[in-house]
C-alpha atoms as a PDB file:
ATOM      1  CA  MET A   1      11.627 -14.743 -16.188  1.00  0.00           C
ATOM      2  CA  LYS A   2      15.242 -13.390 -16.100  1.00  0.00           C
ATOM      3  CA  PRO A   3      17.932 -15.850 -14.837  1.00  0.00           C
ATOM      4  CA  GLU A   4      18.856 -13.650 -11.976  1.00  0.00           C
ATOM      5  CA  ILE A   5      15.369 -13.772 -10.604  1.00  0.00           C
ATOM      6  CA  ASN A   6      15.414 -17.539 -10.725  1.00  0.00           C
ATOM      7  CA  SER A   7      18.744 -17.734  -8.967  1.00  0.00           C
ATOM      8  CA  ARG A   8      17.630 -15.448  -6.082  1.00  0.00           C
ATOM      9  CA  ARG A   9      14.530 -17.366  -5.792  1.00  0.00           C
ATOM     10  CA  GLU A  10      16.334 -20.654  -5.588  1.00  0.00           C
ATOM     11  CA  PHE A  11      18.726 -19.257  -2.903  1.00  0.00           C
ATOM     12  CA  ILE A  12      15.981 -17.784  -0.740  1.00  0.00           C
ATOM     13  CA  MET A  13      13.789 -20.930  -1.188  1.00  0.00           C
ATOM     14  CA  LYS A  14      16.603 -22.837   0.461  1.00  0.00           C
ATOM     15  CA  SER A  15      17.045 -20.378   3.318  1.00  0.00           C
ATOM     16  CA  ALA A  16      15.647 -20.895   6.772  1.00  0.00           C
ATOM     17  CA  LEU A  17      13.567 -17.797   6.549  1.00  0.00           C
ATOM     18  CA  ALA A  18      10.975 -19.305   4.178  1.00  0.00           C
ATOM     19  CA  GLY A  19       7.701 -20.327   5.804  1.00  0.00           C
ATOM     20  CA  SER A  20       5.363 -18.789   8.314  1.00  0.00           C
ATOM     21  CA  GLY A  21       7.941 -18.399  10.855  1.00  0.00           C
ATOM     22  CA  LEU A  22       9.441 -15.439   8.942  1.00  0.00           C
ATOM     23  CA  PHE A  23       6.739 -13.085  10.114  1.00  0.00           C
ATOM     24  CA  LEU A  24       7.491 -14.136  13.762  1.00  0.00           C
ATOM     25  CA  SER A  25      11.208 -13.662  13.217  1.00  0.00           C
ATOM     26  CA  ARG A  26      10.554 -10.134  11.931  1.00  0.00           C
ATOM     27  CA  LYS A  27       8.468  -9.347  15.023  1.00  0.00           C
ATOM     28  CA  ILE A  28      11.252 -10.624  17.291  1.00  0.00           C
ATOM     29  CA  LEU A  29      13.730  -8.276  15.516  1.00  0.00           C
ATOM     30  CA  ALA A  30      11.435  -5.440  16.469  1.00  0.00           C
ATOM     31  CA  MET A  31      11.233  -6.315  20.170  1.00  0.00           C
ATOM     32  CA  GLY A  32      13.990  -3.808  21.009  1.00  0.00           C
ATOM     33  CA  ARG A  33      11.709  -0.956  19.869  1.00  0.00           C
ATOM     34  CA  ARG A  34       8.624  -2.312  21.607  1.00  0.00           C
ATOM     35  CA  HIS A  35       8.576   0.299  24.271  1.00  0.00           C
ATOM     36  CA  ASP A  36       8.390   3.000  21.519  1.00  0.00           C
ATOM     37  CA  ILE A  37       5.688   1.149  19.626  1.00  0.00           C
ATOM     38  CA  LEU A  38       3.476   0.844  22.732  1.00  0.00           C
ATOM     39  CA  ALA A  39       3.773   4.655  23.178  1.00  0.00           C
ATOM     40  CA  ASP A  40       2.786   5.467  19.630  1.00  0.00           C
ATOM     41  CA  VAL A  41       1.215   4.029  16.550  1.00  0.00           C
ATOM     42  CA  LYS A  42       2.664   4.706  12.980  1.00  0.00           C
ATOM     43  CA  ILE A  43       0.129   6.745  10.937  1.00  0.00           C
ATOM     44  CA  GLY A  44       0.822   7.550   7.404  1.00  0.00           C
ATOM     45  CA  ALA A  45      -1.151   8.408   4.293  1.00  0.00           C
ATOM     46  CA  ILE A  46      -1.410   7.257   0.761  1.00  0.00           C
ATOM     47  CA  THR A  47      -0.678   9.432  -2.286  1.00  0.00           C
ATOM     48  CA  TYR A  48      -4.316   8.964  -3.366  1.00  0.00           C
ATOM     49  CA  SER A  49      -5.442  11.140  -0.528  1.00  0.00           C
ATOM     50  CA  PHE A  50      -3.956  14.136  -2.353  1.00  0.00           C
ATOM     51  CA  ARG A  51      -5.452  13.224  -5.751  1.00  0.00           C
ATOM     52  CA  SER A  52      -7.431  16.511  -5.988  1.00  0.00           C
ATOM     53  CA  MET A  53      -4.157  18.454  -6.073  1.00  0.00           C
ATOM     54  CA  PRO A  54      -1.238  18.547  -8.505  1.00  0.00           C
ATOM     55  CA  GLY A  55       0.761  15.400  -7.971  1.00  0.00           C
ATOM     56  CA  SER A  56       4.495  15.476  -8.610  1.00  0.00           C
ATOM     57  CA  VAL A  57       6.651  13.702  -6.067  1.00  0.00           C
ATOM     58  CA  GLU A  58       7.966  17.124  -4.894  1.00  0.00           C
ATOM     59  CA  GLN A  59       4.360  18.379  -4.463  1.00  0.00           C
ATOM     60  CA  THR A  60       3.221  15.173  -2.645  1.00  0.00           C
ATOM     61  CA  LEU A  61       6.173  15.536  -0.255  1.00  0.00           C
ATOM     62  CA  LYS A  62       5.107  19.112   0.552  1.00  0.00           C
ATOM     63  CA  TYR A  63       1.563  17.962   1.261  1.00  0.00           C
ATOM     64  CA  CYS A  64       2.895  15.431   3.638  1.00  0.00           C
ATOM     65  CA  VAL A  65       4.965  17.895   5.540  1.00  0.00           C
ATOM     66  CA  ASP A  66       2.149  20.507   5.594  1.00  0.00           C
ATOM     67  CA  SER A  67      -0.480  18.071   6.907  1.00  0.00           C
ATOM     68  CA  GLY A  68       1.893  16.596   9.580  1.00  0.00           C
ATOM     69  CA  ILE A  69       2.268  13.278   7.792  1.00  0.00           C
ATOM     70  CA  ARG A  70       5.669  11.648   8.244  1.00  0.00           C
ATOM     71  CA  ALA A  71       5.292   8.310   6.411  1.00  0.00           C
ATOM     72  CA  ILE A  72       3.546   7.488   3.179  1.00  0.00           C
ATOM     73  CA  GLU A  73       2.378   4.665   0.815  1.00  0.00           C
ATOM     74  CA  LEU A  74       3.639   6.132  -2.399  1.00  0.00           C
ATOM     75  CA  MET A  75       1.842   5.406  -5.673  1.00  0.00           C
ATOM     76  CA  GLY A  76       3.781   4.777  -8.732  1.00  0.00           C
ATOM     77  CA  ASP A  77       2.931   7.231 -11.554  1.00  0.00           C
ATOM     78  CA  ALA A  78       4.642  10.236 -10.343  1.00  0.00           C
ATOM     79  CA  VAL A  79       7.564   8.167  -9.034  1.00  0.00           C
ATOM     80  CA  GLU A  80       8.105   6.781 -12.532  1.00  0.00           C
ATOM     81  CA  VAL A  81       7.796  10.155 -14.193  1.00  0.00           C
ATOM     82  CA  TYR A  82      10.492  11.532 -11.793  1.00  0.00           C
ATOM     83  CA  ALA A  83      12.729   8.633 -12.652  1.00  0.00           C
ATOM     84  CA  GLY A  84      12.419   9.279 -16.393  1.00  0.00           C
ATOM     85  CA  ALA A  85       9.777   6.805 -17.615  1.00  0.00           C
ATOM     86  CA  PRO A  86       8.341   7.206 -21.090  1.00  0.00           C
ATOM     87  CA  GLU A  87       5.378   9.576 -20.614  1.00  0.00           C
ATOM     88  CA  TRP A  88       1.834   8.804 -21.702  1.00  0.00           C
ATOM     89  CA  GLN A  89       0.551  11.553 -23.833  1.00  0.00           C
ATOM     90  CA  LYS A  90      -3.160  11.021 -24.811  1.00  0.00           C
ATOM     91  CA  PRO A  91      -3.799  12.974 -28.006  1.00  0.00           C
ATOM     92  CA  PRO A  92      -6.837  15.360 -28.024  1.00  0.00           C
ATOM     93  CA  LYS A  93      -8.612  13.401 -30.699  1.00  0.00           C
ATOM     94  CA  GLU A  94      -8.229   9.825 -31.769  1.00  0.00           C
ATOM     95  CA  THR A  95     -10.258   6.879 -32.965  1.00  0.00           C
ATOM     96  CA  LYS A  96     -10.696   3.907 -30.647  1.00  0.00           C
ATOM     97  CA  ARG A  97      -8.426   1.864 -32.842  1.00  0.00           C
ATOM     98  CA  PHE A  98      -5.697   4.511 -32.771  1.00  0.00           C
ATOM     99  CA  PHE A  99      -6.043   4.881 -28.974  1.00  0.00           C
ATOM    100  CA  LYS A 100      -5.484   1.170 -28.485  1.00  0.00           C
ATOM    101  CA  LYS A 101      -2.497   1.331 -30.756  1.00  0.00           C
ATOM    102  CA  ILE A 102      -0.709   4.194 -28.919  1.00  0.00           C
ATOM    103  CA  ARG A 103      -1.651   2.683 -25.508  1.00  0.00           C
ATOM    104  CA  SER A 104      -0.145  -0.642 -26.568  1.00  0.00           C
ATOM    105  CA  GLU A 105       3.073   1.142 -27.801  1.00  0.00           C
ATOM    106  CA  HIS A 106       3.279   2.991 -24.459  1.00  0.00           C
ATOM    107  CA  ARG A 107       2.962  -0.261 -22.496  1.00  0.00           C
ATOM    108  CA  THR A 108       5.707  -1.871 -24.608  1.00  0.00           C
ATOM    109  CA  ALA A 109       7.918   1.142 -24.013  1.00  0.00           C
ATOM    110  CA  MET A 110       7.222   1.030 -20.251  1.00  0.00           C
ATOM    111  CA  GLN A 111       8.066  -2.646 -20.088  1.00  0.00           C
ATOM    112  CA  ALA A 112      11.395  -2.020 -21.811  1.00  0.00           C
ATOM    113  CA  TRP A 113      12.212   0.897 -19.550  1.00  0.00           C
ATOM    114  CA  ARG A 114      11.246  -0.854 -16.309  1.00  0.00           C
ATOM    115  CA  GLU A 115      13.362  -3.953 -17.184  1.00  0.00           C
ATOM    116  CA  SER A 116      16.433  -1.870 -17.883  1.00  0.00           C
ATOM    117  CA  VAL A 117      16.339   1.343 -15.664  1.00  0.00           C
ATOM    118  CA  GLY A 118      18.844   1.817 -12.861  1.00  0.00           C
ATOM    119  CA  MET A 119      17.845   2.584  -9.237  1.00  0.00           C
ATOM    120  CA  GLU A 120      19.780   5.930  -8.962  1.00  0.00           C
ATOM    121  CA  LYS A 121      16.783   8.172  -9.362  1.00  0.00           C
ATOM    122  CA  PHE A 122      14.784   6.206  -6.942  1.00  0.00           C
ATOM    123  CA  ALA A 123      17.545   6.455  -4.354  1.00  0.00           C
ATOM    124  CA  ASP A 124      17.547  10.233  -4.993  1.00  0.00           C
ATOM    125  CA  LEU A 125      13.797  10.295  -4.338  1.00  0.00           C
ATOM    126  CA  LYS A 126      14.163   8.365  -1.046  1.00  0.00           C
ATOM    127  CA  ALA A 127      16.928  10.819   0.116  1.00  0.00           C
ATOM    128  CA  MET A 128      14.617  13.740  -0.772  1.00  0.00           C
ATOM    129  CA  TYR A 129      11.805  12.397   1.324  1.00  0.00           C
ATOM    130  CA  ASN A 130      14.115  11.379   4.251  1.00  0.00           C
ATOM    131  CA  ARG A 131      15.661  14.779   4.409  1.00  0.00           C
ATOM    132  CA  ALA A 132      12.096  16.162   4.925  1.00  0.00           C
ATOM    133  CA  GLY A 133      11.460  13.585   7.580  1.00  0.00           C
ATOM    134  CA  VAL A 134       9.150  11.424   5.558  1.00  0.00           C
ATOM    135  CA  SER A 135       9.618   7.775   5.184  1.00  0.00           C
ATOM    136  CA  ILE A 136       8.137   5.530   2.435  1.00  0.00           C
ATOM    137  CA  TYR A 137       6.733   2.343   3.921  1.00  0.00           C
ATOM    138  CA  ALA A 138       4.885   0.936   0.898  1.00  0.00           C
ATOM    139  CA  PHE A 139       5.098   1.347  -2.977  1.00  0.00           C
ATOM    140  CA  LYS A 140       2.028   0.918  -5.274  1.00  0.00           C
ATOM    141  CA  PRO A 141       3.077   0.973  -8.914  1.00  0.00           C
ATOM    142  CA  ASP A 142       0.968  -0.118 -11.888  1.00  0.00           C
ATOM    143  CA  ALA A 143       3.460  -2.917 -12.575  1.00  0.00           C
ATOM    144  CA  LEU A 144       2.074  -5.810 -10.536  1.00  0.00           C
ATOM    145  CA  ASN A 145      -0.879  -6.907 -12.813  1.00  0.00           C
ATOM    146  CA  PRO A 146      -1.334 -10.065 -14.756  1.00  0.00           C
ATOM    147  CA  LYS A 147      -0.453  -8.162 -18.014  1.00  0.00           C
ATOM    148  CA  ASN A 148       2.977  -7.189 -16.504  1.00  0.00           C
ATOM    149  CA  SER A 149       6.129  -9.267 -17.214  1.00  0.00           C
ATOM    150  CA  ASP A 150       8.055 -11.016 -14.503  1.00  0.00           C
ATOM    151  CA  GLY A 151      10.777  -8.475 -15.198  1.00  0.00           C
ATOM    152  CA  GLU A 152       8.357  -5.565 -14.388  1.00  0.00           C
ATOM    153  CA  ILE A 153       7.246  -7.213 -11.192  1.00  0.00           C
ATOM    154  CA  ASP A 154      10.891  -7.737 -10.153  1.00  0.00           C
ATOM    155  CA  TYR A 155      11.502  -4.053 -11.033  1.00  0.00           C
ATOM    156  CA  ALA A 156       8.663  -2.979  -8.852  1.00  0.00           C
ATOM    157  CA  MET A 157      10.057  -4.750  -5.908  1.00  0.00           C
ATOM    158  CA  ARG A 158      13.578  -3.535  -6.428  1.00  0.00           C
ATOM    159  CA  VAL A 159      12.216   0.075  -6.544  1.00  0.00           C
ATOM    160  CA  ALA A 160      10.268  -0.528  -3.284  1.00  0.00           C
ATOM    161  CA  ARG A 161      13.498  -1.678  -1.612  1.00  0.00           C
ATOM    162  CA  THR A 162      15.439   1.210  -2.932  1.00  0.00           C
ATOM    163  CA  LEU A 163      12.715   3.620  -1.632  1.00  0.00           C
ATOM    164  CA  GLY A 164      12.966   1.971   1.823  1.00  0.00           C
ATOM    165  CA  ALA A 165       9.556   0.345   1.666  1.00  0.00           C
ATOM    166  CA  GLY A 166       8.783  -2.929   3.315  1.00  0.00           C
ATOM    167  CA  SER A 167       6.028  -3.858   0.852  1.00  0.00           C
ATOM    168  CA  VAL A 168       4.454  -3.222  -2.541  1.00  0.00           C
ATOM    169  CA  THR A 169       0.748  -3.035  -2.592  1.00  0.00           C
ATOM    170  CA  VAL A 170      -1.722  -4.236  -5.292  1.00  0.00           C
ATOM    171  CA  GLU A 171      -5.423  -5.111  -5.559  1.00  0.00           C
ATOM    172  CA  LEU A 172      -6.223  -8.699  -4.409  1.00  0.00           C
ATOM    173  CA  PRO A 173      -6.194 -10.727  -7.603  1.00  0.00           C
ATOM    174  CA  LYS A 174      -9.336 -12.536  -8.761  1.00  0.00           C
ATOM    175  CA  ASP A 175      -7.141 -15.413 -10.136  1.00  0.00           C
ATOM    176  CA  PRO A 176      -5.148 -17.217  -7.386  1.00  0.00           C
ATOM    177  CA  LYS A 177      -2.507 -18.132 -10.014  1.00  0.00           C
ATOM    178  CA  HIS A 178      -1.439 -14.514 -10.013  1.00  0.00           C
ATOM    179  CA  SER A 179      -1.027 -14.113  -6.248  1.00  0.00           C
ATOM    180  CA  LYS A 180       0.988 -17.288  -6.323  1.00  0.00           C
ATOM    181  CA  ARG A 181       3.165 -15.715  -9.115  1.00  0.00           C
ATOM    182  CA  LEU A 182       3.522 -12.522  -7.138  1.00  0.00           C
ATOM    183  CA  GLY A 183       4.352 -14.424  -3.884  1.00  0.00           C
ATOM    184  CA  ASP A 184       7.033 -16.443  -5.623  1.00  0.00           C
ATOM    185  CA  ILE A 185       8.780 -13.268  -7.082  1.00  0.00           C
ATOM    186  CA  ALA A 186       8.386 -11.614  -3.715  1.00  0.00           C
ATOM    187  CA  LEU A 187      10.214 -14.470  -2.099  1.00  0.00           C
ATOM    188  CA  ALA A 188      13.072 -13.944  -4.497  1.00  0.00           C
ATOM    189  CA  ASN A 189      13.172 -10.211  -3.547  1.00  0.00           C
ATOM    190  CA  ASN A 190      12.601 -10.570   0.150  1.00  0.00           C
ATOM    191  CA  MET A 191       9.711  -8.107  -0.308  1.00  0.00           C
ATOM    192  CA  TYR A 192       6.137  -8.356   0.981  1.00  0.00           C
ATOM    193  CA  VAL A 193       3.077  -8.021  -1.285  1.00  0.00           C
ATOM    194  CA  GLY A 194       0.217  -6.296   0.538  1.00  0.00           C
ATOM    195  CA  TYR A 195      -3.097  -7.232  -1.167  1.00  0.00           C
ATOM    196  CA  HIS A 196      -5.806  -4.594  -0.980  1.00  0.00           C
ATOM    197  CA  ALA A 197      -9.485  -5.365  -1.123  1.00  0.00           C
ATOM    198  CA  HIS A 198     -12.596  -3.378  -1.574  1.00  0.00           C
ATOM    199  CA  THR A 199     -16.108  -4.489  -0.723  1.00  0.00           C
ATOM    200  CA  GLN A 200     -15.312  -8.024  -1.718  1.00  0.00           C
ATOM    201  CA  ALA A 201     -13.435  -8.310   1.575  1.00  0.00           C
ATOM    202  CA  THR A 202     -14.432 -11.028   4.054  1.00  0.00           C
ATOM    203  CA  ASP A 203     -12.585 -12.670   6.907  1.00  0.00           C
ATOM    204  CA  THR A 204     -11.408 -15.397   4.473  1.00  0.00           C
ATOM    205  CA  ALA A 205     -10.858 -13.349   1.306  1.00  0.00           C
ATOM    206  CA  TRP A 206      -7.006 -13.385   1.818  1.00  0.00           C
ATOM    207  CA  ASP A 207      -6.599 -16.959   3.034  1.00  0.00           C
ATOM    208  CA  GLU A 208      -5.558 -18.527  -0.301  1.00  0.00           C
ATOM    209  CA  ALA A 209      -2.933 -15.812  -1.028  1.00  0.00           C
ATOM    210  CA  LEU A 210      -1.612 -15.987   2.489  1.00  0.00           C
ATOM    211  CA  ALA A 211      -1.168 -19.732   2.221  1.00  0.00           C
ATOM    212  CA  GLN A 212       0.664 -19.490  -1.073  1.00  0.00           C
ATOM    213  CA  SER A 213       3.665 -17.572   0.208  1.00  0.00           C
ATOM    214  CA  PRO A 214       5.006 -16.168   3.479  1.00  0.00           C
ATOM    215  CA  TYR A 215       5.619 -12.904   1.549  1.00  0.00           C
ATOM    216  CA  ASN A 216       1.922 -12.550   0.611  1.00  0.00           C
ATOM    217  CA  SER A 217       0.332 -10.275   3.149  1.00  0.00           C
ATOM    218  CA  MET A 218      -2.700  -8.038   3.784  1.00  0.00           C
ATOM    219  CA  ASN A 219      -3.207  -4.392   3.012  1.00  0.00           C
ATOM    220  CA  LEU A 220      -6.592  -4.371   4.832  1.00  0.00           C
ATOM    221  CA  ASP A 221      -8.965  -1.569   4.114  1.00  0.00           C
ATOM    222  CA  CYS A 222     -11.039  -1.060   7.234  1.00  0.00           C
ATOM    223  CA  GLY A 223     -13.618   1.211   5.630  1.00  0.00           C
ATOM    224  CA  HIS A 224     -14.301  -0.999   2.637  1.00  0.00           C
ATOM    225  CA  TYR A 225     -14.689  -3.910   4.967  1.00  0.00           C
ATOM    226  CA  ILE A 226     -17.394  -2.174   6.955  1.00  0.00           C
ATOM    227  CA  ALA A 227     -19.138  -1.035   3.743  1.00  0.00           C
ATOM    228  CA  ALA A 228     -19.346  -4.533   2.479  1.00  0.00           C
ATOM    229  CA  GLY A 229     -21.885  -5.371   5.207  1.00  0.00           C
ATOM    230  CA  GLY A 230     -23.261  -8.895   5.632  1.00  0.00           C
ATOM    231  CA  LYS A 231     -21.153 -10.758   8.188  1.00  0.00           C
ATOM    232  CA  ASN A 232     -18.687  -7.933   8.310  1.00  0.00           C
ATOM    233  CA  THR A 233     -19.194  -5.986  11.567  1.00  0.00           C
ATOM    234  CA  LYS A 234     -17.203  -3.756  13.842  1.00  0.00           C
ATOM    235  CA  GLU A 235     -16.605  -6.673  16.173  1.00  0.00           C
ATOM    236  CA  SER A 236     -15.547  -9.013  13.299  1.00  0.00           C
ATOM    237  CA  LEU A 237     -13.198  -6.374  11.868  1.00  0.00           C
ATOM    238  CA  LEU A 238     -11.408  -6.014  15.219  1.00  0.00           C
ATOM    239  CA  ALA A 239     -11.271  -9.753  15.595  1.00  0.00           C
ATOM    240  CA  LEU A 240      -9.822 -10.126  12.099  1.00  0.00           C
ATOM    241  CA  ILE A 241      -7.108  -7.572  12.804  1.00  0.00           C
ATOM    242  CA  ALA A 242      -6.123  -9.408  15.988  1.00  0.00           C
ATOM    243  CA  ALA A 243      -6.190 -12.772  14.269  1.00  0.00           C
ATOM    244  CA  LYS A 244      -4.212 -11.704  11.194  1.00  0.00           C
ATOM    245  CA  SER A 245      -1.907  -9.129  12.844  1.00  0.00           C
ATOM    246  CA  ASP A 246       1.231 -11.024  11.792  1.00  0.00           C
ATOM    247  CA  ARG A 247       0.137 -11.103   8.164  1.00  0.00           C
ATOM    248  CA  ILE A 248      -0.846  -7.432   7.880  1.00  0.00           C
ATOM    249  CA  THR A 249       1.896  -5.179   6.379  1.00  0.00           C
ATOM    250  CA  SER A 250      -0.244  -1.977   6.231  1.00  0.00           C
ATOM    251  CA  MET A 251      -3.915  -1.040   6.806  1.00  0.00           C
ATOM    252  CA  HIS A 252      -6.063   1.610   5.200  1.00  0.00           C
ATOM    253  CA  LEU A 253      -8.159   3.800   7.417  1.00  0.00           C
ATOM    254  CA  LYS A 254     -11.284   5.620   6.225  1.00  0.00           C
ATOM    255  CA  ASP A 255     -14.699   6.069   7.737  1.00  0.00           C
ATOM    256  CA  ARG A 256     -17.455   4.369   5.696  1.00  0.00           C
ATOM    257  CA  THR A 257     -20.965   3.485   6.647  1.00  0.00           C
ATOM    258  CA  THR A 258     -22.613   0.179   6.512  1.00  0.00           C
ATOM    259  CA  PRO A 259     -24.917  -0.671   3.513  1.00  0.00           C
ATOM    260  CA  GLU A 260     -27.892   0.030   5.753  1.00  0.00           C
ATOM    261  CA  HIS A 261     -26.660   3.614   6.157  1.00  0.00           C
ATOM    262  CA  GLY A 262     -25.661   4.038   2.486  1.00  0.00           C
ATOM    263  CA  ALA A 263     -22.100   2.719   2.409  1.00  0.00           C
ATOM    264  CA  GLY A 264     -20.780   6.113   1.994  1.00  0.00           C
ATOM    265  CA  ASN A 265     -17.547   7.817   2.754  1.00  0.00           C
ATOM    266  CA  MET A 266     -17.696  10.080   5.825  1.00  0.00           C
ATOM    267  CA  PRO A 267     -15.559  12.522   7.646  1.00  0.00           C
ATOM    268  CA  TRP A 268     -13.763  10.649  10.360  1.00  0.00           C
ATOM    269  CA  GLY A 269     -15.981  10.036  13.418  1.00  0.00           C
ATOM    270  CA  GLN A 270     -19.233  10.285  11.474  1.00  0.00           C
ATOM    271  CA  GLY A 271     -19.369   6.809   9.901  1.00  0.00           C
ATOM    272  CA  ASP A 272     -19.552   3.212  11.096  1.00  0.00           C
ATOM    273  CA  THR A 273     -15.855   2.230  10.868  1.00  0.00           C
ATOM    274  CA  PRO A 274     -14.460   1.745  14.391  1.00  0.00           C
ATOM    275  CA  ILE A 275     -11.360   3.890  13.773  1.00  0.00           C
ATOM    276  CA  LYS A 276     -10.784   4.599  17.465  1.00  0.00           C
ATOM    277  CA  GLU A 277     -11.144   1.177  18.502  1.00  0.00           C
ATOM    278  CA  ILE A 278      -8.807   0.011  15.704  1.00  0.00           C
ATOM    279  CA  LEU A 279      -6.099   2.583  16.685  1.00  0.00           C
ATOM    280  CA  GLN A 280      -6.428   1.679  20.383  1.00  0.00           C
ATOM    281  CA  LEU A 281      -6.075  -1.948  19.540  1.00  0.00           C
ATOM    282  CA  MET A 282      -2.914  -1.276  17.464  1.00  0.00           C
ATOM    283  CA  LYS A 283      -1.494   0.722  20.477  1.00  0.00           C
ATOM    284  CA  ARG A 284      -2.477  -1.868  23.186  1.00  0.00           C
ATOM    285  CA  LYS A 285      -1.082  -4.834  21.187  1.00  0.00           C
ATOM    286  CA  GLY A 286       2.044  -2.984  19.954  1.00  0.00           C
ATOM    287  CA  TYR A 287       1.347  -3.719  16.268  1.00  0.00           C
ATOM    288  CA  THR A 288       4.122  -2.482  14.041  1.00  0.00           C
ATOM    289  CA  PHE A 289       2.242  -2.129  10.739  1.00  0.00           C
ATOM    290  CA  PRO A 290       1.232   1.478   9.762  1.00  0.00           C
ATOM    291  CA  GLY A 291      -2.327   2.809   9.573  1.00  0.00           C
ATOM    292  CA  THR A 292      -2.751   4.661   6.242  1.00  0.00           C
ATOM    293  CA  ILE A 293      -4.988   7.653   6.006  1.00  0.00           C
ATOM    294  CA  GLU A 294      -6.944   7.334   2.804  1.00  0.00           C
ATOM    295  CA  LEU A 295      -8.943  10.502   2.238  1.00  0.00           C
ATOM    296  CA  GLU A 296     -12.072   9.611   0.262  1.00  0.00           C
ATOM    297  CA  TYR A 297     -14.920  11.682   1.639  1.00  0.00           C
ATOM    298  CA  ASP A 298     -15.958  14.871  -0.146  1.00  0.00           C
ATOM    299  CA  ILE A 299     -13.713  17.807   0.704  1.00  0.00           C
ATOM    300  CA  PRO A 300     -15.798  20.595   2.270  1.00  0.00           C
ATOM    301  CA  GLU A 301     -15.943  23.979   0.478  1.00  0.00           C
ATOM    302  CA  GLY A 302     -13.189  26.228   1.616  1.00  0.00           C
ATOM    303  CA  SER A 303     -10.910  23.248   2.572  1.00  0.00           C
ATOM    304  CA  ASP A 304      -8.470  21.145   0.664  1.00  0.00           C
ATOM    305  CA  ALA A 305      -6.850  17.673   0.864  1.00  0.00           C
ATOM    306  CA  VAL A 306      -3.978  18.826   2.981  1.00  0.00           C
ATOM    307  CA  LYS A 307      -6.290  20.353   5.662  1.00  0.00           C
ATOM    308  CA  GLU A 308      -8.588  17.249   5.625  1.00  0.00           C
ATOM    309  CA  VAL A 309      -5.616  14.843   6.002  1.00  0.00           C
ATOM    310  CA  ALA A 310      -4.447  16.940   8.876  1.00  0.00           C
ATOM    311  CA  LYS A 311      -7.967  16.644  10.463  1.00  0.00           C
ATOM    312  CA  CYS A 312      -7.719  12.851  10.060  1.00  0.00           C
ATOM    313  CA  LEU A 313      -4.360  12.843  11.713  1.00  0.00           C
ATOM    314  CA  ALA A 314      -5.588  14.929  14.623  1.00  0.00           C
ATOM    315  CA  TYR A 315      -8.576  12.434  14.965  1.00  0.00           C
ATOM    316  CA  ALA A 316      -6.040   9.624  15.185  1.00  0.00           C
ATOM    317  CA  ASN A 317      -3.802  11.329  17.705  1.00  0.00           C
ATOM    318  CA  SER A 318      -6.870  12.119  19.770  1.00  0.00           C
ATOM    319  CA  ALA A 319      -7.950   8.451  19.737  1.00  0.00           C
ATOM    320  CA  LEU A 320      -4.475   7.453  20.860  1.00  0.00           C
ATOM    321  CA  ALA A 321      -4.072  10.081  23.591  1.00  0.00           C
END
């Protein structure tokens, strides 16, 4: 790990913010805005929702504006291309051995770039989005995995801060050693790590990671939770949100059915995920974390991702009316 990472970590470790009280302190700072929060719930989207369409950062911004979205969880590939990262060019024909070689070379080049790049282009990107009225509340780069260096992880968190995001997001690690590692580097960067889970989600799936660091948090996916079935029910999901509200930094919203109904992705209002009840709970309790539209159901003929995200947003607004 780079010396400056260690020095920041040591400083913050000694500060009074470390510990579970940090989340409560953050909520206290938001109390001045509580009357606005109670009147509205922050709804955003994730870049993945527009995956069926061309995906530069400029195009994604236009999709947000056209669908009425004013906040986003921004995924990393297009962001890094915009900032000048070495591009991955898969050759049309290659042997498996050659593919592994060029892939390895690209990863090496990416690590070197991430550990040395300045933040100017990321600041430019934030300004571009802000001028259009879109804020970036979470950043999901492919730089937070066990194979990534500490320098790359530190880079990801510095980029998130430059973009104005309050958290980076990543899949919940299978190895708790990695969530401990991420939590330690997050502490040094004063940046939350939101862990996302699929159908392995249970009421206790995040407990070890949350106990490891006050900067480890939940990026709860409500649709995947319901599709997991078993002890996961509508009632238990609402109870989990209420119980862990001070450890959730963002939450994915999609409508999935239970395993008994096929565990499929459905247009909002046609599945088993209690989206209306979730949004009403967020409004009633004044939760400050955003709900993220993640479009996963099949896009109907004659429509597109922008139109369907707009429908999801309209459904959310109706639920909150």
